[in-house]
């Protein structure tokens, strides 16, 4: 498992660049649904079978009234919209930045810059929550506060090495942290 994790993390940046380039060339539609086909073939959950991380719905509800919220994802816009719609979360976010909205994806800071611009705030006033080193590096490079969560793909040591300002066991713990 550790080897597989390292391989995925090593190829994430080049593959994100390739996917982004194809989307900008108008060829992104060729890959829509590919992720679900790969997930199905490996016995993993598809977009339709996805469930929110425990406590995340309550967290998003609580944060929505106090902060401007955005999603930054390497997914294609139609896939991201479908997933957010399936989870019932679409209305909670003021901005969505997908691989089709930027030329350079995470770990480049461009997606975070774009989200901040859409929200009308400086990147230095943003807090980005993510579960991969790509999320943490993107946030740090943009000057945003980077929070790593262990309820997803990343491991504590990897997120620390990537420069996370804070690492939480669960995303839902963020509310208590912000209330201090």
Foldseek 3Di string as FASTA:
>chain_A
DVVVLVVCQVCVQVVLLVLLVCVQVVNNVVCVCVVQVVCVVVVHDHLLRDEDQPLVVVVLVVCLVPDAAEAEEQDDVVSVVSSCVSHVNVVSHQYYHYSPNDNGHFPALVSLCVSCVSRVHQLLPAEFEEAALRSLNNSVNSNHQYEHEQSDSHDPVRNVVSPHPYYYPGPNCVVVVVVD
